[in-house]
Amino acid sequence: MSNLVRPITRMDIKGPAMYAHIRDDYRNRVIELKKPRRVIIGDRVELVFDNRHTLQLQIEETCRLENLTSDAQIQAEIDVNNPLMPTESSLAATLFIPLPQDENTKESLRALVGLDEHVILHIGPHAIRAEFEPGRSTEEKISAVQYTRYPLSAEAKAALLTPGTSISVEIDHPNYRHRVQCSEELRASLAADYGA
C-alpha cells in the first residue's frame, strides 16, 4: 500500500507541544501541496483532493486549536479523519460551498440541495459519480462542507496514473451546471499518492 493512502496512526501525529515548533514550515509545505489539488467549479463550489499530508495537517491544526493533548483525544481526532483518506481503490476530496457573507446563506445553500447526486469526476473516458458522506444533507438543506469519494476501477486508476490523461470535474445539478478541466499538475499529484 502506498504511504500516502495508508491510514494515519497516533505515531504520525505530534500533538500541540511538538507541532508548535514545526507548524509554520509544515503548514506552508502542505498549502503548496494543496494548490494543484484544489479545483474551483463555477462561483460556488471548491473541491480539494485529500491525502495523508492534508489530513495530518487537519488533525494537527484541530489538536492545536482545541488543545487536545491526551492520547485518547488525539486518537479520537485521528478516527474522525481516517475515513476521509483515499484508498488504493478510491480518491477522496472535501467539497466546500464558500458563500459570500452578503448573501442569504440559507437560500443559497437550499438552491444546491441534491448536489450530492450531481458531482462527476472524469478520468479519460471514465465518468465516476461522487459518493457523498451520508448525513450531511437532507431534502431541505445541505452542509457547506461535504466529504466525497470516487471509486476507481482498475481501468480508471490506470488512466489516472498515465501522464497526459485528461481529468475534469463536472456538476450537473439543475441549478448549478459547470465542468472544469483540471491541470496535468493535479493528475500528477494524485498519481503520486499511489507512488506513480
N, C-alpha and C. Protein backbone atom coordinates (compact mmCIF):
# COMPACT_ATOMS: atom_id res chain seq x y z
N MET A 1 0.84 -1.19 0.00
CA MET A 1 0.00 0.00 0.00
C MET A 1 0.88 1.25 0.00
N SER A 2 0.52 2.23 -0.82
CA SER A 2 1.28 3.47 -0.88
C SER A 2 1.22 4.19 0.47
N ASN A 3 2.30 4.85 0.80
CA ASN A 3 2.39 5.57 2.06
C ASN A 3 1.32 6.66 2.19
N LEU A 4 0.95 7.29 1.07
CA LEU A 4 0.04 8.44 1.14
C LEU A 4 -1.43 8.05 1.21
N VAL A 5 -1.74 6.77 1.09
CA VAL A 5 -3.12 6.33 1.30
C VAL A 5 -3.21 5.36 2.49
N ARG A 6 -2.11 5.23 3.24
CA ARG A 6 -2.10 4.39 4.43
C ARG A 6 -2.76 5.15 5.57
N PRO A 7 -3.62 4.49 6.39
CA PRO A 7 -4.28 5.20 7.48
C PRO A 7 -3.29 5.86 8.44
N ILE A 8 -3.71 6.97 9.01
CA ILE A 8 -2.90 7.72 9.97
C ILE A 8 -2.98 7.03 11.32
N THR A 9 -1.85 6.96 12.02
CA THR A 9 -1.81 6.36 13.35
C THR A 9 -1.38 7.42 14.36
N ARG A 10 -1.50 7.08 15.63
CA ARG A 10 -1.10 8.02 16.69
C ARG A 10 0.38 8.41 16.56
N MET A 11 1.21 7.49 16.07
CA MET A 11 2.64 7.76 15.90
C MET A 11 2.91 8.87 14.88
N ASP A 12 1.94 9.10 13.98
CA ASP A 12 2.11 10.11 12.93
C ASP A 12 1.81 11.53 13.40
N ILE A 13 1.13 11.66 14.53
CA ILE A 13 0.66 12.98 14.99
C ILE A 13 1.53 13.46 16.15
N LYS A 14 2.05 14.66 16.01
CA LYS A 14 2.98 15.18 17.01
C LYS A 14 2.27 15.72 18.25
N GLY A 15 1.07 16.27 18.08
CA GLY A 15 0.37 16.89 19.20
C GLY A 15 0.81 18.34 19.37
N PRO A 16 0.02 19.16 20.08
CA PRO A 16 0.25 20.61 20.13
C PRO A 16 1.65 21.03 20.54
N ALA A 17 2.25 20.43 21.56
CA ALA A 17 3.56 20.89 22.05
C ALA A 17 4.65 20.72 20.99
N MET A 18 4.76 19.54 20.41
CA MET A 18 5.81 19.29 19.41
C MET A 18 5.47 19.96 18.07
N TYR A 19 4.18 19.99 17.73
CA TYR A 19 3.75 20.57 16.45
C TYR A 19 4.07 22.07 16.39
N ALA A 20 4.00 22.76 17.52
CA ALA A 20 4.23 24.21 17.56
C ALA A 20 5.58 24.57 16.94
N HIS A 21 6.60 23.71 17.12
CA HIS A 21 7.95 24.00 16.64
C HIS A 21 8.09 23.89 15.13
N ILE A 22 7.22 23.13 14.49
CA ILE A 22 7.34 22.92 13.04
C ILE A 22 6.16 23.48 12.27
N ARG A 23 5.20 24.08 12.98
CA ARG A 23 3.91 24.44 12.38
C ARG A 23 4.05 25.28 11.11
N ASP A 24 4.78 26.38 11.18
CA ASP A 24 4.84 27.28 10.03
C ASP A 24 5.38 26.58 8.79
N ASP A 25 6.49 25.88 8.95
CA ASP A 25 7.09 25.19 7.81
C ASP A 25 6.16 24.10 7.27
N TYR A 26 5.58 23.31 8.18
CA TYR A 26 4.72 22.20 7.76
C TYR A 26 3.48 22.72 7.05
N ARG A 27 2.85 23.73 7.64
CA ARG A 27 1.64 24.31 7.01
C ARG A 27 1.97 24.84 5.62
N ASN A 28 3.07 25.56 5.49
CA ASN A 28 3.44 26.12 4.19
C ASN A 28 3.65 25.03 3.15
N ARG A 29 4.30 23.94 3.55
CA ARG A 29 4.53 22.84 2.60
C ARG A 29 3.22 22.20 2.17
N VAL A 30 2.30 21.99 3.12
CA VAL A 30 1.02 21.35 2.77
C VAL A 30 0.14 22.31 1.96
N ILE A 31 0.20 23.60 2.25
CA ILE A 31 -0.56 24.57 1.46
C ILE A 31 -0.07 24.55 0.01
N GLU A 32 1.23 24.46 -0.20
CA GLU A 32 1.78 24.34 -1.56
C GLU A 32 1.31 23.05 -2.23
N LEU A 33 1.31 21.95 -1.47
CA LEU A 33 0.85 20.67 -1.99
C LEU A 33 -0.61 20.74 -2.42
N LYS A 34 -1.41 21.49 -1.65
CA LYS A 34 -2.85 21.56 -1.93
C LYS A 34 -3.18 22.37 -3.18
N LYS A 35 -2.32 23.30 -3.55
CA LYS A 35 -2.65 24.23 -4.64
C LYS A 35 -3.10 23.51 -5.91
N PRO A 36 -2.32 22.57 -6.45
CA PRO A 36 -2.79 21.91 -7.67
C PRO A 36 -3.95 20.94 -7.42
N ARG A 37 -4.20 20.60 -6.15
CA ARG A 37 -5.25 19.65 -5.80
C ARG A 37 -6.59 20.34 -5.56
N ARG A 38 -6.63 21.65 -5.68
CA ARG A 38 -7.86 22.43 -5.50
C ARG A 38 -8.48 22.71 -6.86
N VAL A 39 -9.77 22.42 -6.98
CA VAL A 39 -10.50 22.67 -8.23
C VAL A 39 -11.64 23.62 -7.91
N ILE A 40 -11.67 24.77 -8.58
CA ILE A 40 -12.76 25.74 -8.42
C ILE A 40 -13.78 25.42 -9.51
N ILE A 41 -15.02 25.13 -9.08
CA ILE A 41 -16.06 24.72 -10.03
C ILE A 41 -17.15 25.80 -10.00
N GLY A 42 -17.15 26.64 -11.01
CA GLY A 42 -18.10 27.76 -11.03
C GLY A 42 -17.75 28.76 -9.93
N ASP A 43 -18.75 29.47 -9.42
CA ASP A 43 -18.50 30.50 -8.41
C ASP A 43 -18.95 30.09 -7.02
N ARG A 44 -19.40 28.83 -6.86
CA ARG A 44 -19.95 28.42 -5.58
C ARG A 44 -19.35 27.16 -4.98
N VAL A 45 -18.51 26.45 -5.72
CA VAL A 45 -18.04 25.14 -5.23
C VAL A 45 -16.54 25.01 -5.42
N GLU A 46 -15.88 24.48 -4.39
CA GLU A 46 -14.46 24.13 -4.45
C GLU A 46 -14.32 22.67 -4.05
N LEU A 47 -13.37 22.00 -4.66
CA LEU A 47 -13.08 20.61 -4.34
C LEU A 47 -11.58 20.53 -4.06
N VAL A 48 -11.21 19.93 -2.94
CA VAL A 48 -9.79 19.72 -2.62
C VAL A 48 -9.56 18.23 -2.41
N PHE A 49 -8.71 17.65 -3.24
CA PHE A 49 -8.42 16.22 -3.12
C PHE A 49 -7.48 16.00 -1.94
N ASP A 50 -7.91 15.13 -1.03
CA ASP A 50 -7.16 14.87 0.20
C ASP A 50 -6.16 13.74 0.01
N ASN A 51 -5.14 13.76 0.88
CA ASN A 51 -4.26 12.62 1.05
C ASN A 51 -3.74 12.66 2.47
N ARG A 52 -2.79 11.83 2.77
CA ARG A 52 -2.26 11.71 4.12
C ARG A 52 -1.72 13.05 4.64
N HIS A 53 -1.03 13.81 3.79
CA HIS A 53 -0.47 15.09 4.22
C HIS A 53 -1.56 16.09 4.59
N THR A 54 -2.58 16.22 3.75
CA THR A 54 -3.63 17.20 4.01
C THR A 54 -4.40 16.83 5.27
N LEU A 55 -4.64 15.54 5.47
CA LEU A 55 -5.41 15.11 6.65
C LEU A 55 -4.56 15.18 7.92
N GLN A 56 -3.27 14.90 7.83
CA GLN A 56 -2.41 15.05 9.01
C GLN A 56 -2.40 16.51 9.46
N LEU A 57 -2.31 17.42 8.49
CA LEU A 57 -2.34 18.84 8.84
C LEU A 57 -3.66 19.19 9.53
N GLN A 58 -4.75 18.68 8.99
CA GLN A 58 -6.07 18.94 9.57
C GLN A 58 -6.13 18.46 11.02
N ILE A 59 -5.59 17.28 11.28
CA ILE A 59 -5.60 16.73 12.65
C ILE A 59 -4.71 17.58 13.56
N GLU A 60 -3.50 17.91 13.11
CA GLU A 60 -2.60 18.72 13.92
C GLU A 60 -3.21 20.08 14.25
N GLU A 61 -3.85 20.69 13.26
CA GLU A 61 -4.45 22.01 13.49
C GLU A 61 -5.63 21.92 14.46
N THR A 62 -6.44 20.88 14.35
CA THR A 62 -7.56 20.70 15.27
C THR A 62 -7.05 20.47 16.69
N CYS A 63 -6.05 19.62 16.83
CA CYS A 63 -5.48 19.36 18.16
C CYS A 63 -4.92 20.64 18.76
N ARG A 64 -4.28 21.45 17.93
CA ARG A 64 -3.72 22.72 18.40
C ARG A 64 -4.83 23.67 18.84
N LEU A 65 -5.85 23.86 17.98
CA LEU A 65 -6.92 24.81 18.28
C LEU A 65 -7.73 24.41 19.50
N GLU A 66 -7.96 23.10 19.64
CA GLU A 66 -8.81 22.62 20.73
C GLU A 66 -8.00 22.11 21.92
N ASN A 67 -6.66 22.29 21.84
CA ASN A 67 -5.74 21.84 22.90
C ASN A 67 -5.98 20.38 23.29
N LEU A 68 -6.04 19.53 22.28
CA LEU A 68 -6.19 18.09 22.50
C LEU A 68 -4.79 17.52 22.74
N THR A 69 -4.52 17.06 23.95
CA THR A 69 -3.16 16.62 24.28
C THR A 69 -3.08 15.16 24.71
N SER A 70 -4.17 14.59 25.20
CA SER A 70 -4.08 13.20 25.66
C SER A 70 -4.13 12.26 24.45
N ASP A 71 -3.56 11.08 24.61
CA ASP A 71 -3.58 10.09 23.53
C ASP A 71 -5.01 9.78 23.09
N ALA A 72 -5.93 9.70 24.06
CA ALA A 72 -7.32 9.37 23.74
C ALA A 72 -7.96 10.48 22.90
N GLN A 73 -7.71 11.73 23.26
CA GLN A 73 -8.27 12.85 22.50
C GLN A 73 -7.71 12.89 21.08
N ILE A 74 -6.40 12.70 20.97
CA ILE A 74 -5.76 12.74 19.65
C ILE A 74 -6.22 11.56 18.81
N GLN A 75 -6.33 10.38 19.42
CA GLN A 75 -6.81 9.21 18.68
C GLN A 75 -8.23 9.42 18.18
N ALA A 76 -9.06 10.06 18.98
CA ALA A 76 -10.44 10.34 18.56
C ALA A 76 -10.45 11.22 17.31
N GLU A 77 -9.56 12.20 17.26
CA GLU A 77 -9.48 13.08 16.08
C GLU A 77 -8.95 12.30 14.88
N ILE A 78 -7.99 11.42 15.10
CA ILE A 78 -7.50 10.55 14.01
C ILE A 78 -8.64 9.69 13.47
N ASP A 79 -9.45 9.15 14.39
CA ASP A 79 -10.56 8.27 13.99
C ASP A 79 -11.60 9.01 13.15
N VAL A 80 -11.76 10.31 13.41
CA VAL A 80 -12.70 11.12 12.61
C VAL A 80 -12.16 11.33 11.20
N ASN A 81 -10.85 11.50 11.09
CA ASN A 81 -10.25 11.85 9.80
C ASN A 81 -9.87 10.66 8.92
N ASN A 82 -9.54 9.51 9.51
CA ASN A 82 -9.11 8.38 8.68
C ASN A 82 -10.14 7.95 7.64
N PRO A 83 -11.46 8.01 7.93
CA PRO A 83 -12.42 7.64 6.88
C PRO A 83 -12.40 8.59 5.67
N LEU A 84 -11.74 9.73 5.79
CA LEU A 84 -11.66 10.69 4.69
C LEU A 84 -10.44 10.44 3.80
N MET A 85 -9.65 9.43 4.16
CA MET A 85 -8.41 9.11 3.44
C MET A 85 -8.73 8.43 2.11
N PRO A 86 -7.99 8.79 1.05
CA PRO A 86 -8.12 7.99 -0.17
C PRO A 86 -7.63 6.58 0.10
N THR A 87 -8.02 5.64 -0.73
CA THR A 87 -7.60 4.25 -0.57
C THR A 87 -6.93 3.79 -1.86
N GLU A 88 -6.46 2.56 -1.86
CA GLU A 88 -5.85 2.02 -3.08
C GLU A 88 -6.85 1.99 -4.24
N SER A 89 -8.16 2.00 -3.93
CA SER A 89 -9.16 1.91 -5.00
C SER A 89 -10.16 3.07 -4.99
N SER A 90 -9.79 4.20 -4.37
CA SER A 90 -10.68 5.36 -4.43
C SER A 90 -9.93 6.64 -4.11
N LEU A 91 -10.35 7.72 -4.75
CA LEU A 91 -9.89 9.06 -4.40
C LEU A 91 -10.86 9.65 -3.40
N ALA A 92 -10.40 10.63 -2.62
CA ALA A 92 -11.27 11.30 -1.66
C ALA A 92 -11.03 12.80 -1.77
N ALA A 93 -12.10 13.57 -1.60
CA ALA A 93 -11.97 15.03 -1.68
C ALA A 93 -12.98 15.68 -0.75
N THR A 94 -12.59 16.84 -0.23
CA THR A 94 -13.51 17.66 0.55
C THR A 94 -14.11 18.69 -0.39
N LEU A 95 -15.43 18.80 -0.37
CA LEU A 95 -16.14 19.76 -1.20
C LEU A 95 -16.61 20.89 -0.31
N PHE A 96 -16.28 22.12 -0.70
CA PHE A 96 -16.67 23.31 0.06
C PHE A 96 -17.64 24.13 -0.77
N ILE A 97 -18.62 24.71 -0.09
CA ILE A 97 -19.52 25.67 -0.73
C ILE A 97 -19.30 27.00 -0.02
N PRO A 98 -18.24 27.75 -0.40
CA PRO A 98 -17.98 29.03 0.27
C PRO A 98 -18.95 30.08 -0.22
N LEU A 99 -19.69 30.67 0.68
CA LEU A 99 -20.71 31.64 0.29
C LEU A 99 -20.33 33.02 0.79
N PRO A 100 -20.48 34.04 -0.07
CA PRO A 100 -20.19 35.41 0.38
C PRO A 100 -21.08 35.79 1.55
N GLN A 101 -20.53 36.58 2.47
CA GLN A 101 -21.27 36.96 3.68
C GLN A 101 -22.46 37.85 3.38
N ASP A 102 -22.45 38.53 2.25
CA ASP A 102 -23.54 39.47 1.97
C ASP A 102 -24.77 38.79 1.36
N GLU A 103 -24.72 37.49 1.20
CA GLU A 103 -25.85 36.79 0.61
C GLU A 103 -26.67 36.09 1.69
N ASN A 104 -27.88 35.71 1.33
CA ASN A 104 -28.70 34.90 2.22
C ASN A 104 -28.19 33.47 2.13
N THR A 105 -27.39 33.08 3.11
CA THR A 105 -26.70 31.79 3.08
C THR A 105 -27.68 30.63 2.99
N LYS A 106 -28.75 30.69 3.76
CA LYS A 106 -29.71 29.57 3.75
C LYS A 106 -30.33 29.40 2.37
N GLU A 107 -30.71 30.51 1.75
CA GLU A 107 -31.32 30.42 0.41
C GLU A 107 -30.32 29.89 -0.61
N SER A 108 -29.08 30.38 -0.51
CA SER A 108 -28.06 29.94 -1.46
C SER A 108 -27.78 28.44 -1.32
N LEU A 109 -27.70 27.97 -0.08
CA LEU A 109 -27.47 26.54 0.14
C LEU A 109 -28.69 25.72 -0.28
N ARG A 110 -29.88 26.24 -0.03
CA ARG A 110 -31.10 25.50 -0.40
C ARG A 110 -31.15 25.25 -1.91
N ALA A 111 -30.64 26.21 -2.68
CA ALA A 111 -30.64 26.05 -4.15
C ALA A 111 -29.76 24.89 -4.59
N LEU A 112 -28.81 24.47 -3.72
CA LEU A 112 -27.89 23.39 -4.08
C LEU A 112 -28.26 22.05 -3.43
N VAL A 113 -29.42 21.98 -2.79
CA VAL A 113 -29.88 20.70 -2.25
C VAL A 113 -29.91 19.68 -3.39
N GLY A 114 -29.42 18.48 -3.11
CA GLY A 114 -29.34 17.45 -4.14
C GLY A 114 -28.00 17.40 -4.84
N LEU A 115 -27.10 18.34 -4.48
CA LEU A 115 -25.78 18.36 -5.10
C LEU A 115 -25.07 17.02 -4.97
N ASP A 116 -25.39 16.29 -3.88
CA ASP A 116 -24.72 15.02 -3.62
C ASP A 116 -25.04 13.93 -4.65
N GLU A 117 -25.89 14.23 -5.60
CA GLU A 117 -26.16 13.28 -6.68
C GLU A 117 -25.65 13.80 -8.02
N HIS A 118 -24.90 14.90 -7.99
CA HIS A 118 -24.60 15.58 -9.25
C HIS A 118 -23.14 15.97 -9.44
N VAL A 119 -22.21 15.30 -8.77
CA VAL A 119 -20.79 15.61 -8.96
C VAL A 119 -20.12 14.41 -9.64
N ILE A 120 -19.44 14.68 -10.73
CA ILE A 120 -18.82 13.61 -11.53
C ILE A 120 -17.36 13.94 -11.80
N LEU A 121 -16.49 12.97 -11.53
CA LEU A 121 -15.08 13.09 -11.86
C LEU A 121 -14.84 12.32 -13.15
N HIS A 122 -14.29 12.99 -14.15
CA HIS A 122 -13.96 12.35 -15.43
C HIS A 122 -12.47 12.12 -15.49
N ILE A 123 -12.07 10.85 -15.64
CA ILE A 123 -10.66 10.49 -15.80
C ILE A 123 -10.57 9.79 -17.15
N GLY A 124 -10.06 10.51 -18.16
CA GLY A 124 -10.08 9.96 -19.51
C GLY A 124 -11.53 9.63 -19.87
N PRO A 125 -11.80 8.39 -20.33
CA PRO A 125 -13.17 8.02 -20.72
C PRO A 125 -14.04 7.58 -19.54
N HIS A 126 -13.50 7.58 -18.34
CA HIS A 126 -14.21 7.05 -17.16
C HIS A 126 -14.93 8.18 -16.42
N ALA A 127 -16.24 8.04 -16.27
CA ALA A 127 -17.05 9.01 -15.52
C ALA A 127 -17.41 8.39 -14.18
N ILE A 128 -16.96 9.02 -13.10
CA ILE A 128 -17.14 8.46 -11.75
C ILE A 128 -17.98 9.42 -10.94
N ARG A 129 -19.20 8.97 -10.60
CA ARG A 129 -20.09 9.82 -9.80
C ARG A 129 -19.65 9.78 -8.35
N ALA A 130 -19.56 10.95 -7.73
CA ALA A 130 -19.09 11.05 -6.34
C ALA A 130 -20.04 10.34 -5.39
N GLU A 131 -19.46 9.68 -4.40
CA GLU A 131 -20.22 9.15 -3.27
C GLU A 131 -20.00 10.13 -2.11
N PHE A 132 -21.09 10.67 -1.59
CA PHE A 132 -21.00 11.65 -0.51
C PHE A 132 -21.18 10.97 0.85
N GLU A 133 -20.47 11.50 1.86
CA GLU A 133 -20.66 11.00 3.22
C GLU A 133 -22.11 11.23 3.62
N PRO A 134 -22.79 10.19 4.14
CA PRO A 134 -24.20 10.35 4.50
C PRO A 134 -24.38 11.32 5.68
N GLY A 135 -25.58 11.86 5.77
CA GLY A 135 -25.95 12.66 6.93
C GLY A 135 -25.58 14.13 6.85
N ARG A 136 -25.03 14.57 5.70
CA ARG A 136 -24.62 15.97 5.59
C ARG A 136 -25.57 16.79 4.72
N SER A 137 -26.68 16.17 4.31
CA SER A 137 -27.70 16.91 3.57
C SER A 137 -29.04 16.21 3.74
N THR A 138 -30.10 16.99 3.57
CA THR A 138 -31.46 16.46 3.62
C THR A 138 -32.19 16.99 2.40
N GLU A 139 -33.50 16.74 2.35
CA GLU A 139 -34.27 17.27 1.22
C GLU A 139 -34.45 18.77 1.31
N GLU A 140 -34.19 19.35 2.49
CA GLU A 140 -34.37 20.80 2.67
C GLU A 140 -33.06 21.58 2.78
N LYS A 141 -31.97 20.91 3.18
CA LYS A 141 -30.73 21.68 3.39
C LYS A 141 -29.51 20.82 3.09
N ILE A 142 -28.39 21.53 2.92
CA ILE A 142 -27.12 20.87 2.62
C ILE A 142 -26.02 21.57 3.41
N SER A 143 -25.09 20.82 3.93
CA SER A 143 -23.96 21.39 4.67
C SER A 143 -22.99 22.06 3.69
N ALA A 144 -22.34 23.12 4.14
CA ALA A 144 -21.39 23.85 3.30
C ALA A 144 -20.06 23.09 3.15
N VAL A 145 -19.87 22.02 3.94
CA VAL A 145 -18.68 21.17 3.81
C VAL A 145 -19.16 19.74 3.61
N GLN A 146 -18.69 19.11 2.55
CA GLN A 146 -19.09 17.74 2.21
C GLN A 146 -17.84 16.90 1.97
N TYR A 147 -17.93 15.61 2.30
CA TYR A 147 -16.81 14.70 2.07
C TYR A 147 -17.22 13.72 0.98
N THR A 148 -16.40 13.64 -0.06
CA THR A 148 -16.74 12.84 -1.24
C THR A 148 -15.69 11.78 -1.51
N ARG A 149 -16.14 10.72 -2.17
CA ARG A 149 -15.25 9.61 -2.53
C ARG A 149 -15.55 9.21 -3.97
N TYR A 150 -14.49 8.80 -4.69
CA TYR A 150 -14.59 8.45 -6.11
C TYR A 150 -14.00 7.06 -6.31
N PRO A 151 -14.84 6.02 -6.38
CA PRO A 151 -14.31 4.66 -6.55
C PRO A 151 -13.59 4.54 -7.90
N LEU A 152 -12.44 3.90 -7.87
CA LEU A 152 -11.63 3.73 -9.08
C LEU A 152 -11.64 2.28 -9.53
N SER A 153 -12.14 2.04 -10.72
CA SER A 153 -11.95 0.72 -11.31
C SER A 153 -10.47 0.59 -11.65
N ALA A 154 -10.03 -0.62 -11.93
CA ALA A 154 -8.63 -0.82 -12.31
C ALA A 154 -8.29 0.00 -13.55
N GLU A 155 -9.24 0.11 -14.47
CA GLU A 155 -9.00 0.86 -15.71
C GLU A 155 -8.91 2.36 -15.44
N ALA A 156 -9.80 2.87 -14.57
CA ALA A 156 -9.78 4.30 -14.24
C ALA A 156 -8.49 4.65 -13.49
N LYS A 157 -8.06 3.76 -12.60
CA LYS A 157 -6.82 4.02 -11.87
C LYS A 157 -5.63 4.02 -12.83
N ALA A 158 -5.61 3.07 -13.76
CA ALA A 158 -4.53 3.03 -14.75
C ALA A 158 -4.51 4.32 -15.57
N ALA A 159 -5.70 4.82 -15.92
CA ALA A 159 -5.78 6.08 -16.67
C ALA A 159 -5.25 7.24 -15.83
N LEU A 160 -5.60 7.26 -14.54
CA LEU A 160 -5.12 8.31 -13.64
C LEU A 160 -3.59 8.32 -13.56
N LEU A 161 -3.00 7.14 -13.56
CA LEU A 161 -1.54 7.02 -13.43
C LEU A 161 -0.80 7.29 -14.73
N THR A 162 -1.54 7.45 -15.83
CA THR A 162 -0.93 7.66 -17.14
C THR A 162 -0.75 9.15 -17.42
N PRO A 163 0.48 9.62 -17.58
CA PRO A 163 0.71 11.03 -17.88
C PRO A 163 -0.10 11.49 -19.09
N GLY A 164 -0.67 12.69 -18.97
CA GLY A 164 -1.43 13.27 -20.08
C GLY A 164 -2.90 12.91 -20.10
N THR A 165 -3.35 12.00 -19.24
CA THR A 165 -4.78 11.66 -19.21
C THR A 165 -5.58 12.89 -18.81
N SER A 166 -6.63 13.16 -19.57
CA SER A 166 -7.49 14.31 -19.29
C SER A 166 -8.33 14.05 -18.05
N ILE A 167 -8.39 15.04 -17.14
CA ILE A 167 -9.22 14.93 -15.94
C ILE A 167 -10.08 16.19 -15.86
N SER A 168 -11.35 16.00 -15.56
CA SER A 168 -12.23 17.15 -15.35
C SER A 168 -13.24 16.81 -14.27
N VAL A 169 -13.82 17.86 -13.68
CA VAL A 169 -14.87 17.70 -12.68
C VAL A 169 -16.11 18.39 -13.21
N GLU A 170 -17.22 17.69 -13.12
CA GLU A 170 -18.50 18.20 -13.63
C GLU A 170 -19.54 18.21 -12.53
N ILE A 171 -20.34 19.26 -12.51
CA ILE A 171 -21.55 19.29 -11.67
C ILE A 171 -22.71 19.47 -12.62
N ASP A 172 -23.66 18.51 -12.57
CA ASP A 172 -24.82 18.57 -13.47
C ASP A 172 -26.12 18.78 -12.69
N HIS A 173 -26.03 19.55 -11.61
CA HIS A 173 -27.20 19.89 -10.79
C HIS A 173 -28.10 20.84 -11.60
N PRO A 174 -29.43 20.68 -11.51
CA PRO A 174 -30.33 21.56 -12.29
C PRO A 174 -30.08 23.06 -12.05
N ASN A 175 -29.68 23.44 -10.84
CA ASN A 175 -29.44 24.85 -10.53
C ASN A 175 -27.98 25.26 -10.63
N TYR A 176 -27.12 24.31 -11.02
CA TYR A 176 -25.69 24.63 -11.00
C TYR A 176 -24.97 23.67 -11.94
N ARG A 177 -24.72 24.13 -13.15
CA ARG A 177 -24.09 23.26 -14.16
C ARG A 177 -22.74 23.86 -14.57
N HIS A 178 -21.70 23.11 -14.27
CA HIS A 178 -20.35 23.55 -14.62
C HIS A 178 -19.48 22.32 -14.88
N ARG A 179 -18.50 22.50 -15.76
CA ARG A 179 -17.49 21.46 -15.96
C ARG A 179 -16.14 22.15 -16.09
N VAL A 180 -15.17 21.68 -15.31
CA VAL A 180 -13.85 22.32 -15.26
C VAL A 180 -12.78 21.31 -15.66
N GLN A 181 -11.95 21.71 -16.59
CA GLN A 181 -10.81 20.90 -16.99
C GLN A 181 -9.72 21.08 -15.95
N CYS A 182 -9.17 19.97 -15.46
CA CYS A 182 -8.13 20.02 -14.42
C CYS A 182 -6.75 20.01 -15.07
N SER A 183 -5.78 20.44 -14.30
CA SER A 183 -4.42 20.53 -14.82
C SER A 183 -3.73 19.17 -14.79
N GLU A 184 -2.69 19.03 -15.61
CA GLU A 184 -1.83 17.86 -15.56
C GLU A 184 -1.13 17.79 -14.20
N GLU A 185 -0.91 18.96 -13.61
CA GLU A 185 -0.29 19.02 -12.29
C GLU A 185 -1.18 18.32 -11.24
N LEU A 186 -2.49 18.49 -11.36
CA LEU A 186 -3.41 17.79 -10.46
C LEU A 186 -3.32 16.29 -10.68
N ARG A 187 -3.37 15.85 -11.94
CA ARG A 187 -3.29 14.41 -12.22
C ARG A 187 -2.01 13.83 -11.65
N ALA A 188 -0.89 14.54 -11.86
CA ALA A 188 0.40 14.05 -11.38
C ALA A 188 0.43 13.98 -9.86
N SER A 189 -0.18 14.96 -9.19
CA SER A 189 -0.21 14.97 -7.73
C SER A 189 -1.03 13.80 -7.19
N LEU A 190 -2.17 13.53 -7.83
CA LEU A 190 -2.99 12.38 -7.41
C LEU A 190 -2.26 11.07 -7.70
N ALA A 191 -1.62 10.98 -8.83
CA ALA A 191 -0.88 9.76 -9.18
C ALA A 191 0.26 9.53 -8.19
N ALA A 192 0.88 10.62 -7.73
CA ALA A 192 2.00 10.49 -6.77
C ALA A 192 1.54 9.87 -5.46
N ASP A 193 0.26 10.03 -5.10
CA ASP A 193 -0.26 9.38 -3.89
C ASP A 193 -0.13 7.87 -3.99
N TYR A 194 -0.13 7.36 -5.21
CA TYR A 194 -0.04 5.90 -5.43
C TYR A 194 1.36 5.49 -5.84
N GLY A 195 2.33 6.37 -5.64
CA GLY A 195 3.71 6.03 -5.94
C GLY A 195 4.08 6.14 -7.39
N ALA A 196 3.17 6.74 -8.21
CA ALA A 196 3.46 6.85 -9.65
C ALA A 196 4.16 8.16 -9.97
